[in-house]
Each structure stands twice: as C-alpha cells, then as structure tokens.
Amino acid sequence: MELGVFLLLLLTVFTALLLLTKDHPKTHGCLPPGPRPLPFLGNLLQMDRNSLLKSFLKMRKQYGDVFTLYLGPRRVVILCGTEAIREALVDQADAFSGRGKIAAIDSVFQEYGVIFANGERWKALRRFSLTTMRDFGMGKRSVEERIQEEAQCLVEELRNTKGTLQDPTFFFHAITANIICSIVFGERFSYQDPKFLRLLDLLFQSFALVSSFSSQLFELFPGFLKYFPGSHRQVTKNLQEIIIFIEQRVEKHRETLDSTAPRDYIDAFLIRMDKDKTDPNTEFNQRNLIITVLSLFSAGTETSSTTLRNGFLLLLKYPHITEKVQKEIERVIGSHRAPTLNDRANMPYTDAVIHEIQRSSDIFPIGVPHIVTKDTHFRGYIIPKGTEVFPILNSTLNDPHYFKKPNTFNPDHFLDTNGALKKNDAFMPFSTGKRVCLGESIARAELFLFFTTILQNFTVATDKAPEDIDLTPMECGVGKLPPPYKIRFLPRLSN
C-alpha cells in the first residue's frame, strides 16, 4: 500500500511538472511559439547568462520575430524587427499601451508617476505632462533659449580645461540635467553645486546598476532575490535619496506658490492638486507628483547625456566624419553666432550624423516593457490580457532591411542620393506608439544644439589612435552604456 501511494504521488508530481512545462490548451494554446520552460526556472537554461539581449536575438533565429519565453516564472512575449514592433505599438496602439515593470526599480515606482503608470492614471498624467512641459518650453523657442544658454555655460567650462584630457561624463550629465531642472524645478544649478553633483552621481550610478548583469539576473527572479543583497538595493537607496531632494523642492515651491503665476512643472502640478483636492479619485496627489518628477529628471538626464557620450566617442573614432560636420557648421553657421534649431534644416549631414549616433548608441536595446491591456489577436496568435511584451528596439535600429550596413557607423543611412535627410521607419530610439518618449522633442533639440555648439568651438582629440578606440559597451542590460574614455576639447583657432 505504501508503494502504491508513493507511485501515485510520483505520477502526480510528474504530471504537474509536465503541465507546467507545456502551454495550457485553454489559456496559453494560442500564444506565439517559444522554448519550453521549466517550473520556476522558466527558460533560464536556454539563455545567455551574461545578456538578456543576446538571448532574445538568439531565440529569434529559431522562433521568428514574435515568440514567448519565461523570465523565471514571468511570461513575456518578445517582438523583434521593425514590422512586428510597428504593427503592435502603432497599428494596435491601444492594446499594447500598458506599461510593464523593470524589476530593479519597481519597489520605488510601483506604477506611480507618468512613465510606469497604467490605465486612467497614466492617461491623466501624460496629458497633463505634455501640456505643462509645452507651456514651459517643450517645443517652443524658450526651451531652445535654455539649451543655448546651457551650451554657452558648457563652452566656458570646457575652455577652462585648457585642452587637458577629461572624462566627459560629468559635463554631459550636468548640461542635460540642467535643462530638465529648468523646466521641472524652475532653475539651473552651478556645476560646482555640491547637491547637484550628488544628484548627478546618484543618477549615473543607478543607470549603470540597472544595466548591470546582476540587475538582469534580478529581472528573472525578483520575488526571490529581493530578500538578498544586490544591486537592486543600492538602486533603491539611490532613488530614495533623490526623492528626498525632490520632496524638499516641492515643499519650497508650496511655501512660495502663486497660483496665478506658475513658475515650472512643480507649481503647475501643485495648482492642479489644489483644484482637485475634493475629488477622492484624482491622480493629482503628492505621490504621483514626486514620482513623476523623479521620472522626468532621471529619464531626461540619462538618455541625452549617454547619447552625447556615445556620440563624442564615435567622433573620436571617425575623425573624417567630425571634419565634415565642422565644415558644414562653418558653412551654415560660421563662428560668430550660436547655432539655432532653424539651422538644422540647412545641415542635413550633421543631422544625419546625430541620427546615426542615436541608432548606433542603441541606449535602450530591449526597450521599456509593455503590457497588453486586453486579450489581443496578433499575427494569428492570442496574447492574454496582462502579458508583458518586450519590443526589442535593438532589432529595429539594426534592421538590415532598413540599414544596409547596420554594424557600421555610417551617416549615409539617413541621407538620400541628393544628400538630403531621409526618414527611416526603423529609426525609433525613443520607441514608438502611445508610449513614445515624453521628452523626445527636448532630447532632439539638445542633441543638435549641444553637438553643434561644441564642435563649433572645439576640436576634439584623445591620446589614442582612431583604430585603437574600443566601442564595446561597458554595460548592456536595460540600458547600454559606452565604455569610459578621455577626450581633449581644444579651442578652434577661428574662435
């Protein structure tokens, strides 16, 4: 009898494991194909231990552009290629408009704030943020003037380096942070301000940690690993320190608030909070204010600053391209006035170089996770409501159907036969659809004005020959970080 019970128990366990490792016919039978998962481990054994991205691209070769895998116990649908991503995020924008989680920062954001919110909360905060940021300069000349002023502050700072080798990280962090600070906090900070320096260090450290191997591992088993030491704890600690700074700024704003003359984003949010104070369902509350400001500050700083760092490393690697950009600057702008956004239309080569820098930088290679908001029919499959979806932006920015030599840095990817800038449907560094980056227009203005102002005033150089410059990323997880390098900013004789 004991043997019979044992055999029955063994059979039950085996059957349960078999069911767990196969898609259930009623709930999962129409999911896209994918490797068979193991209980708890998911597809861990089939994945590259050092890179989620490499794992996804390897599986794409076997299962196609749309497939299902399990990050530990989490079911995820992976989208690769320009067509699949556009069909999902643009053609079925509503269905794919939910936001998934990034495990390493989820304990801080918890679906609050404009980036990681969902449903009506996201819609209300995004509408408000777009309108408010536009009122304080987004897409208008006032943001251009702020960038121009910051660029001139940078020029003076770079002149003070007297051509010595510098790590450019701090400079690029400072200028991009100051632009978003001027819109959100209503002020810019001195490059020597100790609080500002601390904020920049916390942001840089956090982005590097979120992109690290340990954070990729944490992404697989957050429910289990959150109880153990790891980079996720340091990220949480860093972000909580930034939140304390934001809270202090909010209190100062509240003490000096004039509801008839809002100075910045925080003022506008506080005014809306006061207006909705009798509405128990309002999304305009202290928690959403703090986390939205954190979202705007961190995303607005890291994306542009990392692109600038990548960009100048590429310009050191390909000096002939740098020379062509500077010749176009001399021809269109000259040396006696600051660059303006109107110049961009007359500088197709420079614009193409910036586009190619963004493409090859590939800052968010696996994209920010989405969630389907309902049971969704897609390419003959059914993706159940609540399923996470990863749009692999790396696969669009390196799509050989749209870029002839995707592994080569080549501005011609964005130029037609007449040398004019051409649109490319695979170019989506800011993602696409309803969740496209909120600050895309600010970032594009920053990149153009900062690149042209620096190259108008300086020649860039380093202590390595171009062929010895290594472009291998330092980290490649949620974000892709360039390797550390040193650069000289040598004042141009014509200036």
Protein backbone atom coordinates (compact mmCIF):
# COMPACT_ATOMS: atom_id res chain seq x y z
CA MET A 1 0.00 0.00 0.00
CA GLU A 2 2.85 2.41 0.87
CA LEU A 3 4.49 1.65 -2.51
CA GLY A 4 1.22 2.37 -4.28
CA VAL A 5 0.86 5.73 -2.52
CA PHE A 6 4.45 6.59 -3.40
CA LEU A 7 3.95 5.71 -7.06
CA LEU A 8 0.71 7.68 -7.17
CA LEU A 9 2.46 10.70 -5.63
CA LEU A 10 5.33 10.35 -8.12
CA LEU A 11 2.88 10.19 -11.01
CA THR A 12 1.04 13.26 -9.71
CA VAL A 13 4.27 15.29 -9.44
CA PHE A 14 5.39 14.19 -12.91
CA THR A 15 2.02 15.15 -14.41
CA ALA A 16 2.11 18.55 -12.68
CA LEU A 17 5.61 19.22 -14.00
CA LEU A 18 4.56 18.18 -17.49
CA LEU A 19 1.60 20.55 -17.39
CA LEU A 20 3.79 23.38 -16.13
CA THR A 21 6.29 22.90 -18.93
CA LYS A 22 3.63 22.95 -21.65
CA ASP A 23 1.23 25.70 -22.60
CA HIS A 24 -2.21 25.05 -21.18
CA PRO A 25 -4.54 24.49 -24.16
CA LYS A 26 -7.30 26.77 -22.86
CA THR A 27 -5.28 29.74 -21.68
CA HIS A 28 -1.97 29.59 -23.49
CA GLY A 29 -2.59 27.47 -26.58
CA CYS A 30 -2.63 30.44 -28.96
CA LEU A 31 0.46 32.16 -27.62
CA PRO A 32 3.37 32.69 -30.02
CA PRO A 33 5.81 29.75 -30.05
CA GLY A 34 8.85 29.62 -27.83
CA PRO A 35 11.19 27.35 -25.90
CA ARG A 36 9.62 25.03 -23.35
CA PRO A 37 10.02 26.44 -19.82
CA LEU A 38 10.91 24.61 -16.63
CA PRO A 39 8.94 25.15 -13.42
CA PHE A 40 10.19 28.25 -11.55
CA LEU A 41 13.32 28.50 -13.72
CA GLY A 42 11.41 29.31 -16.89
CA ASN A 43 13.81 29.46 -19.85
CA LEU A 44 16.88 30.22 -17.76
CA LEU A 45 18.80 27.21 -19.09
CA GLN A 46 18.33 28.34 -22.70
CA MET A 47 19.53 31.89 -22.06
CA ASP A 48 22.91 33.57 -22.30
CA ARG A 49 23.99 34.04 -18.68
CA ASN A 50 25.55 37.45 -19.39
CA SER A 51 22.99 39.16 -21.61
CA LEU A 52 19.22 39.17 -21.95
CA LEU A 53 19.60 40.88 -25.33
CA LYS A 54 21.86 38.16 -26.75
CA SER A 55 19.39 35.55 -25.52
CA PHE A 56 16.46 37.24 -27.24
CA LEU A 57 18.32 37.66 -30.53
CA LYS A 58 19.47 34.04 -30.47
CA MET A 59 15.93 32.77 -29.86
CA ARG A 60 14.64 34.99 -32.66
CA LYS A 61 16.68 32.94 -35.13
CA GLN A 62 14.79 29.81 -34.07
CA TYR A 63 11.28 31.10 -33.35
CA GLY A 64 10.90 34.17 -35.55
CA ASP A 65 10.05 37.80 -34.85
CA VAL A 66 7.30 37.06 -32.31
CA PHE A 67 7.85 34.45 -29.61
CA THR A 68 7.07 33.63 -25.99
CA LEU A 69 9.55 32.92 -23.23
CA TYR A 70 9.60 32.82 -19.46
CA LEU A 71 11.89 35.03 -17.40
CA GLY A 72 11.77 32.78 -14.38
CA PRO A 73 8.02 32.47 -13.73
CA ARG A 74 7.17 35.62 -15.76
CA ARG A 75 5.62 35.04 -19.17
CA VAL A 76 6.88 37.54 -21.75
CA VAL A 77 6.16 37.96 -25.46
CA ILE A 78 9.16 39.23 -27.40
CA LEU A 79 8.75 41.41 -30.50
CA CYS A 80 11.64 41.75 -32.93
CA GLY A 81 12.01 43.61 -36.21
CA THR A 82 10.59 46.87 -37.49
CA GLU A 83 7.36 45.45 -38.91
CA ALA A 84 6.37 43.45 -35.83
CA ILE A 85 7.06 46.33 -33.44
CA ARG A 86 5.21 48.88 -35.58
CA GLU A 87 2.26 46.53 -36.07
CA ALA A 88 1.99 46.20 -32.29
CA LEU A 89 2.84 49.62 -30.90
CA VAL A 90 1.36 51.73 -33.73
CA ASP A 91 -1.30 49.68 -35.54
CA GLN A 92 -2.66 48.21 -32.29
CA ALA A 93 -1.55 51.07 -30.07
CA ASP A 94 -4.36 50.83 -27.50
CA ALA A 95 -3.94 47.11 -26.91
CA PHE A 96 -0.17 47.42 -26.38
CA SER A 97 -0.28 50.68 -24.39
CA GLY A 98 0.14 49.15 -20.93
CA ARG A 99 3.45 49.58 -19.13
CA GLY A 100 5.38 46.65 -17.69
CA LYS A 101 7.88 46.68 -14.85
CA ILE A 102 11.63 46.96 -14.57
CA ALA A 103 12.24 44.83 -11.51
CA ALA A 104 15.28 46.71 -10.17
CA ILE A 105 13.32 49.96 -9.78
CA ASP A 106 9.79 48.69 -9.28
CA SER A 107 9.93 48.97 -5.49
CA VAL A 108 10.34 52.75 -5.89
CA PHE A 109 7.97 53.50 -8.78
CA GLN A 110 5.19 50.95 -8.04
CA GLU A 111 3.09 52.11 -11.04
CA TYR A 112 3.09 55.74 -9.90
CA GLY A 113 4.35 58.63 -12.00
CA VAL A 114 3.99 59.25 -15.71
CA ILE A 115 6.38 56.58 -17.03
CA PHE A 116 5.30 53.45 -15.13
CA ALA A 117 1.62 54.26 -14.52
CA ASN A 118 -1.19 52.43 -16.28
CA GLY A 119 -4.86 52.97 -17.12
CA GLU A 120 -6.52 56.26 -16.26
CA ARG A 121 -3.61 57.29 -14.05
CA TRP A 122 -1.22 57.14 -17.00
CA LYS A 123 -3.62 58.93 -19.35
CA ALA A 124 -4.23 61.79 -16.88
CA LEU A 125 -0.55 62.25 -16.01
CA ARG A 126 0.63 62.05 -19.62
CA ARG A 127 -1.93 64.58 -20.86
CA PHE A 128 -1.04 66.95 -18.04
CA SER A 129 2.72 66.49 -18.50
CA LEU A 130 2.65 67.06 -22.26
CA THR A 131 0.60 70.23 -21.89
CA THR A 132 2.59 71.58 -18.96
CA MET A 133 6.02 70.87 -20.40
CA ARG A 134 4.92 72.51 -23.63
CA ASP A 135 3.82 75.57 -21.64
CA PHE A 136 7.26 75.74 -20.02
CA GLY A 137 9.19 75.42 -23.21
CA MET A 138 8.74 71.97 -24.72
CA GLY A 139 8.57 72.52 -28.48
CA LYS A 140 8.80 76.32 -28.17
CA ARG A 141 11.63 78.79 -28.51
CA SER A 142 12.01 79.14 -24.75
CA VAL A 143 13.44 75.63 -24.43
CA GLU A 144 15.77 76.44 -27.32
CA GLU A 145 17.00 79.51 -25.49
CA ARG A 146 17.60 77.47 -22.33
CA ILE A 147 19.64 74.92 -24.26
CA GLN A 148 21.62 77.67 -25.99
CA GLU A 149 22.39 79.32 -22.65
CA GLU A 150 23.45 75.99 -21.13
CA ALA A 151 25.62 75.27 -24.17
CA GLN A 152 27.47 78.56 -23.66
CA CYS A 153 28.00 77.73 -19.98
CA LEU A 154 29.48 74.43 -21.12
CA VAL A 155 31.76 76.17 -23.62
CA GLU A 156 33.23 78.30 -20.82
CA GLU A 157 33.66 75.24 -18.63
CA LEU A 158 35.43 73.34 -21.42
CA ARG A 159 37.72 76.29 -22.13
CA ASN A 160 38.83 76.12 -18.51
CA THR A 161 40.09 72.55 -19.06
CA LYS A 162 42.80 74.09 -21.32
CA GLY A 163 42.89 71.08 -23.63
CA THR A 164 43.72 68.52 -20.94
CA LEU A 165 42.30 65.00 -21.11
CA GLN A 166 38.86 64.83 -19.48
CA ASP A 167 36.24 62.22 -18.70
CA PRO A 168 33.24 63.85 -20.43
CA THR A 169 30.63 62.08 -18.27
CA PHE A 170 30.20 64.91 -15.77
CA PHE A 171 29.91 67.65 -18.40
CA PHE A 172 27.23 65.85 -20.40
CA HIS A 173 25.30 64.87 -17.29
CA ALA A 174 25.36 68.42 -16.00
CA ILE A 175 24.07 70.11 -19.14
CA THR A 176 21.23 67.66 -19.80
CA ALA A 177 20.21 67.62 -16.13
CA ASN A 178 20.10 71.42 -16.08
CA ILE A 179 17.66 71.55 -18.99
CA ILE A 180 15.13 69.28 -17.31
CA CYS A 181 15.78 71.03 -13.96
CA SER A 182 14.91 74.39 -15.51
CA ILE A 183 11.55 73.00 -16.68
CA VAL A 184 10.71 70.93 -13.60
CA PHE A 185 12.32 72.92 -10.76
CA GLY A 186 12.39 76.32 -12.46
CA GLU A 187 16.15 76.73 -12.07
CA ARG A 188 19.52 75.52 -13.27
CA PHE A 189 22.39 74.60 -10.97
CA SER A 190 26.03 75.62 -10.87
CA TYR A 191 28.42 72.88 -11.99
CA GLN A 192 30.07 73.25 -8.59
CA ASP A 193 26.88 72.95 -6.52
CA PRO A 194 27.52 70.01 -4.12
CA LYS A 195 23.84 68.92 -4.05
CA PHE A 196 23.71 68.97 -7.84
CA LEU A 197 26.93 66.95 -8.05
CA ARG A 198 25.49 64.41 -5.65
CA LEU A 199 22.31 64.08 -7.72
CA LEU A 200 24.31 63.52 -10.90
CA ASP A 201 26.40 60.85 -9.21
CA LEU A 202 23.30 59.06 -7.90
CA LEU A 203 21.67 59.10 -11.35
CA PHE A 204 24.76 57.83 -13.17
CA GLN A 205 25.39 55.12 -10.60
CA SER A 206 21.75 53.98 -10.70
CA PHE A 207 21.56 53.77 -14.50
CA ALA A 208 24.79 51.74 -14.55
CA LEU A 209 23.48 49.39 -11.87
CA VAL A 210 20.11 48.89 -13.59
CA SER A 211 22.03 47.98 -16.77
CA SER A 212 24.39 45.57 -14.98
CA PHE A 213 24.49 41.78 -15.12
CA SER A 214 23.22 41.47 -11.53
CA SER A 215 20.14 43.53 -12.40
CA GLN A 216 19.48 41.31 -15.42
CA LEU A 217 19.61 38.31 -13.08
CA PHE A 218 17.29 40.13 -10.67
CA GLU A 219 14.86 40.66 -13.56
CA LEU A 220 14.42 36.88 -13.73
CA PHE A 221 13.66 36.22 -10.05
CA PRO A 222 12.76 39.49 -8.29
CA GLY A 223 10.26 37.90 -5.90
CA PHE A 224 13.01 35.61 -4.56
CA LEU A 225 16.16 37.73 -4.90
CA LYS A 226 14.68 40.86 -3.31
CA TYR A 227 15.41 39.28 0.08
CA PHE A 228 19.14 39.07 -0.66
CA PRO A 229 21.85 41.73 -1.06
CA GLY A 230 22.39 43.00 -4.60
CA SER A 231 22.46 45.97 -6.93
CA HIS A 232 18.67 46.38 -6.61
CA ARG A 233 19.11 47.50 -3.01
CA GLN A 234 21.67 50.15 -3.94
CA VAL A 235 19.42 51.40 -6.75
CA THR A 236 16.52 51.74 -4.30
CA LYS A 237 18.74 53.56 -1.81
CA ASN A 238 19.98 55.97 -4.51
CA LEU A 239 16.50 56.74 -5.81
CA GLN A 240 15.17 57.29 -2.30
CA GLU A 241 17.89 59.90 -1.73
CA ILE A 242 16.85 61.68 -4.94
CA ILE A 243 13.23 61.55 -3.76
CA ILE A 244 14.20 63.32 -0.53
CA PHE A 245 15.74 66.13 -2.61
CA ILE A 246 12.58 66.37 -4.74
CA GLU A 247 10.35 66.44 -1.65
CA GLN A 248 12.38 69.34 -0.24
CA ARG A 249 11.99 71.23 -3.52
CA VAL A 250 8.26 70.58 -3.58
CA GLU A 251 7.89 71.99 -0.06
CA LYS A 252 9.79 75.14 -1.03
CA HIS A 253 7.54 75.52 -4.04
CA ARG A 254 4.45 75.07 -1.89
CA GLU A 255 5.61 77.80 0.53
CA THR A 256 6.14 80.34 -2.28
CA LEU A 257 3.38 79.25 -4.66
CA ASP A 258 1.44 81.89 -6.58
CA SER A 259 -1.48 80.09 -8.23
CA THR A 260 -1.84 82.89 -10.80
CA ALA A 261 1.77 82.64 -11.99
CA PRO A 262 3.16 79.09 -12.09
CA ARG A 263 6.94 79.06 -12.49
CA ASP A 264 7.53 75.47 -13.55
CA TYR A 265 6.17 71.92 -13.67
CA ILE A 266 6.01 71.51 -9.89
CA ASP A 267 3.98 74.72 -9.48
CA ALA A 268 1.56 73.62 -12.18
CA PHE A 269 1.10 70.23 -10.52
CA LEU A 270 0.53 71.79 -7.08
CA ILE A 271 -2.12 74.11 -8.55
CA ARG A 272 -3.87 71.11 -10.12
CA MET A 273 -3.66 69.25 -6.80
CA ASP A 274 -5.38 72.14 -5.05
CA LYS A 275 -8.04 72.29 -7.76
CA ASP A 276 -8.81 68.57 -7.39
CA LYS A 277 -8.49 68.34 -3.60
CA THR A 278 -12.18 67.45 -3.15
CA ASP A 279 -12.02 64.65 -5.73
CA PRO A 280 -11.20 61.37 -3.94
CA ASN A 281 -10.28 59.71 -7.25
CA THR A 282 -7.89 62.34 -8.53
CA GLU A 283 -4.47 61.23 -9.72
CA PHE A 284 -3.03 64.63 -8.85
CA ASN A 285 -1.58 63.82 -5.46
CA GLN A 286 1.75 64.06 -3.66
CA ARG A 287 2.88 60.53 -4.58
CA ASN A 288 2.29 60.98 -8.29
CA LEU A 289 3.96 64.40 -8.20
CA ILE A 290 7.13 63.09 -6.56
CA ILE A 291 7.45 60.00 -8.74
CA THR A 292 6.64 61.91 -11.95
CA VAL A 293 9.35 64.48 -11.17
CA LEU A 294 11.76 61.61 -10.45
CA SER A 295 10.78 60.01 -13.77
CA LEU A 296 11.25 63.20 -15.78
CA PHE A 297 14.51 64.09 -14.05
CA SER A 298 16.12 60.66 -14.43
CA ALA A 299 14.92 59.92 -17.98
CA GLY A 300 15.54 63.48 -19.16
CA THR A 301 19.12 63.37 -17.92
CA GLU A 302 20.27 59.86 -18.77
CA THR A 303 19.03 59.49 -22.35
CA SER A 304 20.62 62.63 -23.78
CA SER A 305 23.80 62.52 -21.71
CA THR A 306 24.50 58.89 -22.62
CA THR A 307 23.89 59.68 -26.30
CA LEU A 308 26.33 62.60 -26.10
CA ARG A 309 28.98 60.39 -24.52
CA ASN A 310 28.47 57.76 -27.21
CA GLY A 311 28.47 60.45 -29.87
CA PHE A 312 31.79 62.02 -29.00
CA LEU A 313 33.43 58.62 -28.67
CA LEU A 314 32.25 57.87 -32.22
CA LEU A 315 33.54 61.25 -33.43
CA LEU A 316 36.95 60.39 -31.98
CA LYS A 317 36.82 57.01 -33.72
CA TYR A 318 35.85 58.54 -37.09
CA PRO A 319 37.65 61.91 -37.39
CA HIS A 320 36.81 62.24 -41.10
CA ILE A 321 33.13 62.41 -40.15
CA THR A 322 33.88 65.00 -37.46
CA GLU A 323 35.71 67.09 -40.05
CA LYS A 324 32.74 67.01 -42.43
CA VAL A 325 30.38 68.10 -39.64
CA GLN A 326 32.65 71.01 -38.74
CA LYS A 327 32.85 72.12 -42.36
CA GLU A 328 29.06 72.16 -42.54
CA ILE A 329 28.95 74.19 -39.31
CA GLU A 330 31.42 76.69 -40.79
CA ARG A 331 29.41 76.99 -44.00
CA VAL A 332 25.94 77.35 -42.43
CA ILE A 333 26.58 78.94 -39.02
CA GLY A 334 30.08 80.35 -39.06
CA SER A 335 31.92 81.22 -35.87
CA HIS A 336 30.31 84.46 -34.73
CA ARG A 337 26.82 83.35 -33.66
CA ALA A 338 25.33 80.48 -31.69
CA PRO A 339 23.65 77.57 -33.51
CA THR A 340 19.83 77.63 -33.61
CA LEU A 341 17.26 74.94 -34.31
CA ASN A 342 16.45 76.68 -37.60
CA ASP A 343 19.95 75.75 -38.77
CA ARG A 344 19.07 72.07 -38.67
CA ALA A 345 17.09 72.22 -41.91
CA ASN A 346 20.20 73.50 -43.70
CA MET A 347 22.57 70.96 -42.16
CA PRO A 348 21.47 67.52 -43.43
CA TYR A 349 24.88 65.89 -42.93
CA THR A 350 25.13 66.98 -39.30
CA ASP A 351 21.54 65.88 -38.69
CA ALA A 352 22.28 62.51 -40.33
CA VAL A 353 25.35 62.06 -38.11
CA ILE A 354 23.25 62.71 -34.99
CA HIS A 355 20.61 60.23 -36.20
CA GLU A 356 23.34 57.65 -36.81
CA ILE A 357 24.79 58.30 -33.34
CA GLN A 358 21.37 57.63 -31.83
CA ARG A 359 20.94 54.50 -33.94
CA SER A 360 24.32 53.00 -33.11
CA SER A 361 24.16 54.08 -29.45
CA ASP A 362 21.05 51.93 -29.00
CA ILE A 363 20.60 53.20 -25.44
CA PHE A 364 17.57 51.04 -24.54
CA PRO A 365 18.23 47.89 -26.59
CA ILE A 366 15.39 45.79 -25.15
CA GLY A 367 13.01 48.73 -24.80
CA VAL A 368 10.89 49.52 -21.76
CA PRO A 369 8.39 46.68 -21.16
CA HIS A 370 4.79 47.00 -22.31
CA ILE A 371 1.67 45.09 -21.20
CA VAL A 372 -1.32 44.20 -23.33
CA THR A 373 -4.45 45.81 -21.88
CA LYS A 374 -6.83 43.12 -23.20
CA ASP A 375 -6.76 39.70 -24.85
CA THR A 376 -5.08 40.66 -28.11
CA HIS A 377 -5.08 38.98 -31.52
CA PHE A 378 -1.70 39.49 -33.12
CA ARG A 379 -0.27 37.76 -36.19
CA GLY A 380 -2.53 34.75 -35.73
CA TYR A 381 -1.84 34.36 -32.02
CA ILE A 382 -3.73 35.43 -28.92
CA ILE A 383 -1.76 37.30 -26.26
CA PRO A 384 -3.71 37.17 -22.96
CA LYS A 385 -4.52 40.39 -21.13
CA GLY A 386 -1.78 41.38 -18.69
CA THR A 387 1.03 39.65 -20.60
CA GLU A 388 4.29 41.58 -20.66
CA VAL A 389 5.68 42.48 -24.08
CA PHE A 390 9.28 43.43 -24.80
CA PRO A 391 9.75 45.45 -28.02
CA ILE A 392 13.42 44.82 -28.83
CA LEU A 393 14.46 48.24 -30.16
CA ASN A 394 17.93 46.90 -30.95
CA SER A 395 16.32 44.78 -33.67
CA THR A 396 14.87 47.85 -35.39
CA LEU A 397 17.92 50.07 -35.07
CA ASN A 398 20.00 47.27 -36.60
CA ASP A 399 17.41 46.04 -39.10
CA PRO A 400 19.31 45.08 -42.30
CA HIS A 401 16.17 45.68 -44.38
CA TYR A 402 16.35 49.37 -43.49
CA PHE A 403 20.06 49.91 -42.85
CA LYS A 404 22.43 48.49 -45.46
CA LYS A 405 25.36 48.14 -43.05
CA PRO A 406 23.81 48.06 -39.55
CA ASN A 407 27.07 47.10 -37.85
CA THR A 408 28.90 50.04 -39.40
CA PHE A 409 28.74 53.67 -38.30
CA ASN A 410 27.53 55.31 -41.49
CA PRO A 411 25.60 58.63 -41.67
CA ASP A 412 24.57 57.70 -45.23
CA HIS A 413 21.88 55.53 -43.61
CA PHE A 414 19.94 58.78 -43.23
CA LEU A 415 20.85 60.56 -46.47
CA ASP A 416 19.25 60.18 -49.90
CA THR A 417 21.12 60.29 -53.21
CA ASN A 418 20.90 64.10 -53.22
CA GLY A 419 22.44 64.42 -49.76
CA ALA A 420 19.14 65.39 -48.10
CA LEU A 421 17.99 63.91 -44.81
CA LYS A 422 15.62 60.98 -45.35
CA LYS A 423 13.12 59.40 -42.99
CA ASN A 424 13.62 55.80 -41.94
CA ASP A 425 10.73 53.81 -40.43
CA ALA A 426 13.14 51.63 -38.44
CA PHE A 427 14.57 54.61 -36.58
CA MET A 428 12.82 54.54 -33.21
CA PRO A 429 15.36 55.30 -30.45
CA PHE A 430 12.53 56.90 -28.44
CA SER A 431 10.27 53.87 -29.05
CA THR A 432 7.00 54.50 -30.91
CA GLY A 433 3.24 54.49 -30.44
CA LYS A 434 1.34 55.80 -27.43
CA ARG A 435 4.25 55.17 -25.06
CA VAL A 436 6.80 57.07 -27.15
CA CYS A 437 9.24 59.05 -25.01
CA LEU A 438 7.56 62.09 -23.45
CA GLY A 439 10.61 64.30 -23.92
CA GLU A 440 11.55 63.34 -27.49
CA SER A 441 11.40 66.91 -28.84
CA ILE A 442 13.55 68.23 -25.97
CA ALA A 443 16.11 65.47 -26.49
CA ARG A 444 16.32 66.11 -30.24
CA ALA A 445 16.83 69.84 -29.64
CA GLU A 446 19.50 69.15 -27.01
CA LEU A 447 21.46 66.78 -29.22
CA PHE A 448 21.54 69.17 -32.17
CA LEU A 449 22.40 72.31 -30.21
CA PHE A 450 24.94 70.71 -27.89
CA PHE A 451 26.75 68.83 -30.68
CA THR A 452 26.94 71.83 -32.98
CA THR A 453 27.93 74.31 -30.26
CA ILE A 454 30.76 72.09 -29.00
CA LEU A 455 32.08 71.33 -32.49
CA GLN A 456 31.76 75.00 -33.48
CA ASN A 457 34.08 75.97 -30.64
CA PHE A 458 36.38 72.98 -30.19
CA THR A 459 38.37 70.35 -31.99
CA VAL A 460 38.15 67.01 -30.20
CA ALA A 461 41.11 64.69 -29.70
CA THR A 462 42.34 61.89 -27.45
CA ASP A 463 45.56 60.04 -26.63
CA LYS A 464 44.68 57.00 -28.77
CA ALA A 465 44.80 56.47 -32.49
CA PRO A 466 41.30 56.10 -34.02
CA GLU A 467 41.89 52.44 -34.86
CA ASP A 468 42.72 51.72 -31.19
CA ILE A 469 39.49 53.20 -29.81
CA ASP A 470 37.25 50.45 -28.45
CA LEU A 471 33.48 50.97 -28.79
CA THR A 472 32.49 47.89 -26.76
CA PRO A 473 29.76 48.89 -24.29
CA MET A 474 30.58 48.89 -20.58
CA GLU A 475 27.14 47.52 -19.68
CA CYS A 476 24.29 46.24 -21.81
CA GLY A 477 21.11 45.38 -19.93
CA VAL A 478 18.07 47.60 -19.70
CA GLY A 479 20.42 50.35 -20.88
CA LYS A 480 23.60 50.30 -22.94
CA LEU A 481 26.49 52.36 -21.56
CA PRO A 482 29.57 53.38 -23.55
CA PRO A 483 32.99 52.45 -22.20
CA PRO A 484 34.83 55.12 -20.18
CA TYR A 485 37.19 57.29 -22.22
CA LYS A 486 39.13 60.55 -22.07
CA ILE A 487 38.81 63.45 -24.52
CA ARG A 488 40.50 66.80 -25.15
CA PHE A 489 38.47 69.88 -26.09
CA LEU A 490 40.92 72.08 -27.99
CA PRO A 491 39.70 75.63 -28.78
CA ARG A 492 39.45 76.15 -32.53
CA LEU A 493 41.70 78.91 -33.92
CA SER A 494 38.83 80.53 -35.80
CA ASN A 495 37.13 81.18 -32.46
